[in-house]
């Protein structure tokens, strides 16, 4: 019984970590989509600042989701 609970806990933790990375992956895909769809060109104003903002937003959301799961686990 203890082995099954440990395995379930490990699977749950792995799923939580995977879910935590979703915002970051979405921000990376957004940048890819903008580039591959030729929505952005090299002449797009403030392209660098916007790219950094999108990446930072994804990373911050990832940190918040991961922190939420970590706090919930400690209870």
PDB file of N, CA and C in Angstrom:
ATOM      1  N   UNK A   1       0.823  -1.194   0.000  1.00  0.00           N
ATOM      2  CA  UNK A   1       0.000   0.000   0.000  1.00  0.00           C
ATOM      3  C   UNK A   1       0.866   1.256   0.000  1.00  0.00           C
ATOM      4  N   UNK A   2       1.957   1.216   0.773  1.00  0.00           N
ATOM      5  CA  UNK A   2       2.841   2.379   0.845  1.00  0.00           C
ATOM      6  C   UNK A   2       3.505   2.647  -0.501  1.00  0.00           C
ATOM      7  N   UNK A   3       3.821   1.585  -1.219  1.00  0.00           N
ATOM      8  CA  UNK A   3       4.454   1.734  -2.523  1.00  0.00           C
ATOM      9  C   UNK A   3       3.498   2.387  -3.523  1.00  0.00           C
ATOM     10  N   UNK A   4       2.242   2.003  -3.473  1.00  0.00           N
ATOM     11  CA  UNK A   4       1.257   2.584  -4.378  1.00  0.00           C
ATOM     12  C   UNK A   4       1.058   4.065  -4.076  1.00  0.00           C
ATOM     13  N   UNK A   5       1.030   4.408  -2.791  1.00  0.00           N
ATOM     14  CA  UNK A   5       0.862   5.810  -2.406  1.00  0.00           C
ATOM     15  C   UNK A   5       2.074   6.640  -2.839  1.00  0.00           C
ATOM     16  N   UNK A   6       3.262   6.071  -2.682  1.00  0.00           N
ATOM     17  CA  UNK A   6       4.479   6.757  -3.095  1.00  0.00           C
ATOM     18  C   UNK A   6       4.499   6.966  -4.606  1.00  0.00           C
ATOM     19  N   UNK A   7       4.087   5.959  -5.350  1.00  0.00           N
ATOM     20  CA  UNK A   7       4.054   6.049  -6.803  1.00  0.00           C
ATOM     21  C   UNK A   7       3.019   7.084  -7.253  1.00  0.00           C
ATOM     22  N   UNK A   8       1.875   7.099  -6.585  1.00  0.00           N
ATOM     23  CA  UNK A   8       0.837   8.070  -6.905  1.00  0.00           C
ATOM     24  C   UNK A   8       1.314   9.485  -6.587  1.00  0.00           C
ATOM     25  N   UNK A   9       2.006   9.633  -5.482  1.00  0.00           N
ATOM     26  CA  UNK A   9       2.538  10.937  -5.092  1.00  0.00           C
ATOM     27  C   UNK A   9       3.579  11.425  -6.099  1.00  0.00           C
ATOM     28  N   UNK A  10       4.429  10.521  -6.546  1.00  0.00           N
ATOM     29  CA  UNK A  10       5.447  10.878  -7.531  1.00  0.00           C
ATOM     30  C   UNK A  10       4.800  11.274  -8.855  1.00  0.00           C
ATOM     31  N   UNK A  11       3.787  10.517  -9.271  1.00  0.00           N
ATOM     32  CA  UNK A  11       3.092  10.836 -10.515  1.00  0.00           C
ATOM     33  C   UNK A  11       2.388  12.185 -10.410  1.00  0.00           C
ATOM     34  N   UNK A  12       1.779  12.438  -9.260  1.00  0.00           N
ATOM     35  CA  UNK A  12       1.087  13.718  -9.056  1.00  0.00           C
ATOM     36  C   UNK A  12       2.084  14.871  -9.082  1.00  0.00           C
ATOM     37  N   UNK A  13       3.210  14.702  -8.420  1.00  0.00           N
ATOM     38  CA  UNK A  13       4.234  15.753  -8.378  1.00  0.00           C
ATOM     39  C   UNK A  13       4.777  16.027  -9.782  1.00  0.00           C
ATOM     40  N   UNK A  14       5.000  14.974 -10.551  1.00  0.00           N
ATOM     41  CA  UNK A  14       5.481  15.126 -11.919  1.00  0.00           C
ATOM     42  C   UNK A  14       4.471  15.885 -12.766  1.00  0.00           C
ATOM     43  N   UNK A  15       3.195  15.572 -12.594  1.00  0.00           N
ATOM     44  CA  UNK A  15       2.144  16.269 -13.328  1.00  0.00           C
ATOM     45  C   UNK A  15       2.077  17.741 -12.928  1.00  0.00           C
ATOM     46  N   UNK A  16       2.227  18.027 -11.642  1.00  0.00           N
ATOM     47  CA  UNK A  16       2.208  19.414 -11.173  1.00  0.00           C
ATOM     48  C   UNK A  16       3.368  20.213 -11.758  1.00  0.00           C
ATOM     49  N   UNK A  17       4.541  19.619 -11.815  1.00  0.00           N
ATOM     50  CA  UNK A  17       5.695  20.311 -12.400  1.00  0.00           C
ATOM     51  C   UNK A  17       5.457  20.561 -13.888  1.00  0.00           C
ATOM     52  N   UNK A  18       4.903  19.573 -14.587  1.00  0.00           N
ATOM     53  CA  UNK A  18       4.606  19.745 -16.015  1.00  0.00           C
ATOM     54  C   UNK A  18       3.590  20.865 -16.214  1.00  0.00           C
ATOM     55  N   UNK A  19       2.564  20.915 -15.376  1.00  0.00           N
ATOM     56  CA  UNK A  19       1.552  21.975 -15.469  1.00  0.00           C
ATOM     57  C   UNK A  19       2.178  23.330 -15.171  1.00  0.00           C
ATOM     58  N   UNK A  20       3.117  23.350 -14.255  1.00  0.00           N
ATOM     59  CA  UNK A  20       3.773  24.611 -13.893  1.00  0.00           C
ATOM     60  C   UNK A  20       4.505  25.237 -15.075  1.00  0.00           C
ATOM     61  N   UNK A  21       5.013  24.422 -15.962  1.00  0.00           N
ATOM     62  CA  UNK A  21       5.776  24.930 -17.096  1.00  0.00           C
ATOM     63  C   UNK A  21       4.912  25.402 -18.266  1.00  0.00           C
ATOM     64  N   UNK A  22       3.618  25.160 -18.207  1.00  0.00           N
ATOM     65  CA  UNK A  22       2.726  25.520 -19.313  1.00  0.00           C
ATOM     66  C   UNK A  22       2.779  27.009 -19.662  1.00  0.00           C
ATOM     67  N   UNK A  23       2.724  27.954 -18.701  1.00  0.00           N
ATOM     68  CA  UNK A  23       2.779  29.372 -19.095  1.00  0.00           C
ATOM     69  C   UNK A  23       4.063  29.745 -19.843  1.00  0.00           C
ATOM     70  N   UNK A  24       5.176  29.183 -19.427  1.00  0.00           N
ATOM     71  CA  UNK A  24       6.449  29.475 -20.089  1.00  0.00           C
ATOM     72  C   UNK A  24       6.456  28.910 -21.508  1.00  0.00           C
ATOM     73  N   UNK A  25       5.933  27.701 -21.664  1.00  0.00           N
ATOM     74  CA  UNK A  25       5.868  27.088 -22.995  1.00  0.00           C
ATOM     75  C   UNK A  25       4.942  27.901 -23.899  1.00  0.00           C
ATOM     76  N   UNK A  26       3.833  28.381 -23.353  1.00  0.00           N
ATOM     77  CA  UNK A  26       2.914  29.204 -24.145  1.00  0.00           C
ATOM     78  C   UNK A  26       3.590  30.500 -24.586  1.00  0.00           C
ATOM     79  N   UNK A  27       4.371  31.102 -23.700  1.00  0.00           N
ATOM     80  CA  UNK A  27       5.060  32.343 -24.096  1.00  0.00           C
ATOM     81  C   UNK A  27       6.093  32.069 -25.181  1.00  0.00           C
ATOM     82  N   UNK A  28       6.790  30.952 -25.083  1.00  0.00           N
ATOM     83  CA  UNK A  28       7.755  30.592 -26.121  1.00  0.00           C
ATOM     84  C   UNK A  28       7.045  30.325 -27.447  1.00  0.00           C
ATOM     85  N   UNK A  29       5.915  29.624 -27.394  1.00  0.00           N
ATOM     86  CA  UNK A  29       5.164  29.347 -28.615  1.00  0.00           C
ATOM     87  C   UNK A  29       4.615  30.641 -29.217  1.00  0.00           C
ATOM     88  N   UNK A  30       4.200  31.567 -28.374  1.00  0.00           N
ATOM     89  CA  UNK A  30       3.710  32.859 -28.869  1.00  0.00           C
ATOM     90  C   UNK A  30       4.790  33.561 -29.676  1.00  0.00           C
ATOM     91  N   UNK A  31       6.001  33.570 -29.162  1.00  0.00           N
ATOM     92  CA  UNK A  31       7.106  34.194 -29.897  1.00  0.00           C
ATOM     93  C   UNK A  31       7.375  33.456 -31.213  1.00  0.00           C
ATOM     94  N   UNK A  32       7.333  32.133 -31.168  1.00  0.00           N
ATOM     95  CA  UNK A  32       7.523  31.344 -32.384  1.00  0.00           C
ATOM     96  C   UNK A  32       6.435  31.656 -33.406  1.00  0.00           C
ATOM     97  N   UNK A  33       5.187  31.713 -32.942  1.00  0.00           N
ATOM     98  CA  UNK A  33       4.057  31.973 -33.825  1.00  0.00           C
ATOM     99  C   UNK A  33       4.162  33.352 -34.468  1.00  0.00           C
ATOM    100  N   UNK A  34       4.553  34.350 -33.681  1.00  0.00           N
ATOM    101  CA  UNK A  34       4.703  35.694 -34.227  1.00  0.00           C
ATOM    102  C   UNK A  34       5.786  35.735 -35.303  1.00  0.00           C
ATOM    103  N   UNK A  35       6.855  34.994 -35.079  1.00  0.00           N
ATOM    104  CA  UNK A  35       7.967  34.984 -36.033  1.00  0.00           C
ATOM    105  C   UNK A  35       7.623  34.162 -37.272  1.00  0.00           C
ATOM    106  N   UNK A  36       7.093  32.958 -37.074  1.00  0.00           N
ATOM    107  CA  UNK A  36       6.843  32.086 -38.223  1.00  0.00           C
ATOM    108  C   UNK A  36       5.667  32.576 -39.068  1.00  0.00           C
ATOM    109  N   UNK A  37       4.721  33.239 -38.455  1.00  0.00           N
ATOM    110  CA  UNK A  37       3.588  33.765 -39.205  1.00  0.00           C
ATOM    111  C   UNK A  37       3.902  35.080 -39.871  1.00  0.00           C
ATOM    112  N   UNK A  38       5.133  35.513 -39.739  1.00  0.00           N
ATOM    113  CA  UNK A  38       5.604  36.781 -40.294  1.00  0.00           C
ATOM    114  C   UNK A  38       4.733  37.953 -39.845  1.00  0.00           C
ATOM    115  N   UNK A  39       4.209  37.825 -38.637  1.00  0.00           N
ATOM    116  CA  UNK A  39       3.440  38.921 -38.040  1.00  0.00           C
ATOM    117  C   UNK A  39       4.413  40.007 -37.593  1.00  0.00           C
ATOM    118  N   UNK A  40       5.564  39.541 -37.102  1.00  0.00           N
ATOM    119  CA  UNK A  40       6.633  40.476 -36.728  1.00  0.00           C
ATOM    120  C   UNK A  40       7.690  40.472 -37.812  1.00  0.00           C
ATOM    121  N   UNK A  41       8.203  41.630 -38.104  1.00  0.00           N
ATOM    122  CA  UNK A  41       9.351  41.736 -38.995  1.00  0.00           C
ATOM    123  C   UNK A  41      10.478  42.383 -38.205  1.00  0.00           C
ATOM    124  N   UNK A  42      11.616  42.478 -38.824  1.00  0.00           N
ATOM    125  CA  UNK A  42      12.732  43.123 -38.134  1.00  0.00           C
ATOM    126  C   UNK A  42      12.481  44.606 -37.934  1.00  0.00           C
ATOM    127  N   UNK A  43      11.535  45.159 -38.677  1.00  0.00           N
ATOM    128  CA  UNK A  43      11.217  46.585 -38.557  1.00  0.00           C
ATOM    129  C   UNK A  43      10.131  46.872 -37.518  1.00  0.00           C
ATOM    130  N   UNK A  44       9.608  45.842 -36.877  1.00  0.00           N
ATOM    131  CA  UNK A  44       8.560  46.046 -35.875  1.00  0.00           C
ATOM    132  C   UNK A  44       9.107  46.867 -34.714  1.00  0.00           C
ATOM    133  N   UNK A  45       8.453  47.987 -34.384  1.00  0.00           N
ATOM    134  CA  UNK A  45       8.951  48.816 -33.295  1.00  0.00           C
ATOM    135  C   UNK A  45       8.843  48.100 -31.942  1.00  0.00           C
ATOM    136  N   UNK A  46       9.848  48.277 -31.135  1.00  0.00           N
ATOM    137  CA  UNK A  46       9.903  47.727 -29.771  1.00  0.00           C
ATOM    138  C   UNK A  46       9.790  46.206 -29.737  1.00  0.00           C
ATOM    139  N   UNK A  47      10.267  45.556 -30.773  1.00  0.00           N
ATOM    140  CA  UNK A  47      10.199  44.096 -30.854  1.00  0.00           C
ATOM    141  C   UNK A  47      10.986  43.433 -29.724  1.00  0.00           C
ATOM    142  N   UNK A  48      12.138  43.931 -29.427  1.00  0.00           N
ATOM    143  CA  UNK A  48      12.963  43.358 -28.368  1.00  0.00           C
ATOM    144  C   UNK A  48      12.308  43.494 -27.002  1.00  0.00           C
ATOM    145  N   UNK A  49      11.781  44.683 -26.738  1.00  0.00           N
ATOM    146  CA  UNK A  49      11.120  44.907 -25.447  1.00  0.00           C
ATOM    147  C   UNK A  49       9.887  44.020 -25.301  1.00  0.00           C
ATOM    148  N   UNK A  50       9.143  43.874 -26.376  1.00  0.00           N
ATOM    149  CA  UNK A  50       7.944  43.043 -26.337  1.00  0.00           C
ATOM    150  C   UNK A  50       8.311  41.576 -26.137  1.00  0.00           C
ATOM    151  N   UNK A  51       9.370  41.134 -26.791  1.00  0.00           N
ATOM    152  CA  UNK A  51       9.824  39.750 -26.633  1.00  0.00           C
ATOM    153  C   UNK A  51      10.214  39.472 -25.188  1.00  0.00           C
ATOM    154  N   UNK A  52      10.965  40.373 -24.606  1.00  0.00           N
ATOM    155  CA  UNK A  52      11.386  40.206 -23.214  1.00  0.00           C
ATOM    156  C   UNK A  52      10.170  40.218 -22.296  1.00  0.00           C
ATOM    157  N   UNK A  53       9.217  41.094 -22.557  1.00  0.00           N
ATOM    158  CA  UNK A  53       8.007  41.167 -21.731  1.00  0.00           C
ATOM    159  C   UNK A  53       7.211  39.873 -21.798  1.00  0.00           C
ATOM    160  N   UNK A  54       7.073  39.312 -22.997  1.00  0.00           N
ATOM    161  CA  UNK A  54       6.340  38.049 -23.152  1.00  0.00           C
ATOM    162  C   UNK A  54       7.046  36.925 -22.400  1.00  0.00           C
ATOM    163  N   UNK A  55       8.365  36.852 -22.540  1.00  0.00           N
ATOM    164  CA  UNK A  55       9.121  35.800 -21.843  1.00  0.00           C
ATOM    165  C   UNK A  55       9.062  35.967 -20.332  1.00  0.00           C
ATOM    166  N   UNK A  56       9.214  37.192 -19.856  1.00  0.00           N
ATOM    167  CA  UNK A  56       9.170  37.436 -18.409  1.00  0.00           C
ATOM    168  C   UNK A  56       7.789  37.096 -17.856  1.00  0.00           C
ATOM    169  N   UNK A  57       6.747  37.459 -18.582  1.00  0.00           N
ATOM    170  CA  UNK A  57       5.390  37.137 -18.132  1.00  0.00           C
ATOM    171  C   UNK A  57       5.206  35.620 -18.011  1.00  0.00           C
ATOM    172  N   UNK A  58       5.688  34.882 -18.992  1.00  0.00           N
ATOM    173  CA  UNK A  58       5.594  33.424 -18.934  1.00  0.00           C
ATOM    174  C   UNK A  58       6.378  32.848 -17.780  1.00  0.00           C
ATOM    175  N   UNK A  59       7.571  33.379 -17.545  1.00  0.00           N
ATOM    176  CA  UNK A  59       8.399  32.867 -16.454  1.00  0.00           C
ATOM    177  C   UNK A  59       7.804  33.209 -15.088  1.00  0.00           C
ATOM    178  N   UNK A  60       7.270  34.407 -14.947  1.00  0.00           N
ATOM    179  CA  UNK A  60       6.662  34.798 -13.671  1.00  0.00           C
ATOM    180  C   UNK A  60       5.423  33.953 -13.391  1.00  0.00           C
ATOM    181  N   UNK A  61       4.597  33.742 -14.415  1.00  0.00           N
ATOM    182  CA  UNK A  61       3.423  32.886 -14.225  1.00  0.00           C
ATOM    183  C   UNK A  61       3.822  31.460 -13.877  1.00  0.00           C
ATOM    184  N   UNK A  62       4.875  30.961 -14.486  1.00  0.00           N
ATOM    185  CA  UNK A  62       5.374  29.637 -14.147  1.00  0.00           C
ATOM    186  C   UNK A  62       5.805  29.584 -12.688  1.00  0.00           C
ATOM    187  N   UNK A  63       6.511  30.600 -12.237  1.00  0.00           N
ATOM    188  CA  UNK A  63       6.937  30.654 -10.837  1.00  0.00           C
ATOM    189  C   UNK A  63       5.739  30.691  -9.894  1.00  0.00           C
ATOM    190  N   UNK A  64       4.717  31.471 -10.241  1.00  0.00           N
ATOM    191  CA  UNK A  64       3.531  31.561  -9.382  1.00  0.00           C
ATOM    192  C   UNK A  64       2.783  30.230  -9.307  1.00  0.00           C
ATOM    193  N   UNK A  65       2.633  29.565 -10.437  1.00  0.00           N
ATOM    194  CA  UNK A  65       1.940  28.272 -10.444  1.00  0.00           C
ATOM    195  C   UNK A  65       2.747  27.242  -9.657  1.00  0.00           C
ATOM    196  N   UNK A  66       4.053  27.222  -9.860  1.00  0.00           N
ATOM    197  CA  UNK A  66       4.909  26.281  -9.133  1.00  0.00           C
ATOM    198  C   UNK A  66       4.862  26.559  -7.633  1.00  0.00           C
ATOM    199  N   UNK A  67       4.871  27.831  -7.255  1.00  0.00           N
ATOM    200  CA  UNK A  67       4.784  28.203  -5.836  1.00  0.00           C
ATOM    201  C   UNK A  67       3.451  27.771  -5.239  1.00  0.00           C
ATOM    202  N   UNK A  68       2.395  27.920  -6.000  1.00  0.00           N
ATOM    203  CA  UNK A  68       1.072  27.488  -5.528  1.00  0.00           C
ATOM    204  C   UNK A  68       1.073  25.999  -5.233  1.00  0.00           C
ATOM    205  N   UNK A  69       1.596  25.197  -6.155  1.00  0.00           N
ATOM    206  CA  UNK A  69       1.647  23.753  -5.942  1.00  0.00           C
ATOM    207  C   UNK A  69       2.550  23.397  -4.767  1.00  0.00           C
ATOM    208  N   UNK A  70       3.650  24.106  -4.604  1.00  0.00           N
ATOM    209  CA  UNK A  70       4.566  23.829  -3.504  1.00  0.00           C
ATOM    210  C   UNK A  70       3.936  24.153  -2.156  1.00  0.00           C
ATOM    211  N   UNK A  71       3.230  25.281  -2.077  1.00  0.00           N
ATOM    212  CA  UNK A  71       2.555  25.639  -0.826  1.00  0.00           C
ATOM    213  C   UNK A  71       1.474  24.631  -0.483  1.00  0.00           C
ATOM    214  N   UNK A  72       0.743  24.204  -1.486  1.00  0.00           N
ATOM    215  CA  UNK A  72      -0.326  23.246  -1.253  1.00  0.00           C
ATOM    216  C   UNK A  72       0.235  21.912  -0.763  1.00  0.00           C
ATOM    217  N   UNK A  73       1.405  21.549  -1.243  1.00  0.00           N
ATOM    218  CA  UNK A  73       2.037  20.295  -0.838  1.00  0.00           C
ATOM    219  C   UNK A  73       2.503  20.352   0.612  1.00  0.00           C
ATOM    220  N   UNK A  74       2.921  21.513   1.082  1.00  0.00           N
ATOM    221  CA  UNK A  74       3.433  21.661   2.439  1.00  0.00           C
ATOM    222  C   UNK A  74       2.340  21.582   3.499  1.00  0.00           C
ATOM    223  N   UNK A  75       1.105  21.859   3.114  1.00  0.00           N
ATOM    224  CA  UNK A  75       0.004  21.844   4.083  1.00  0.00           C
ATOM    225  C   UNK A  75      -0.304  20.470   4.584  1.00  0.00           C
TER     226      UNK A  75
END
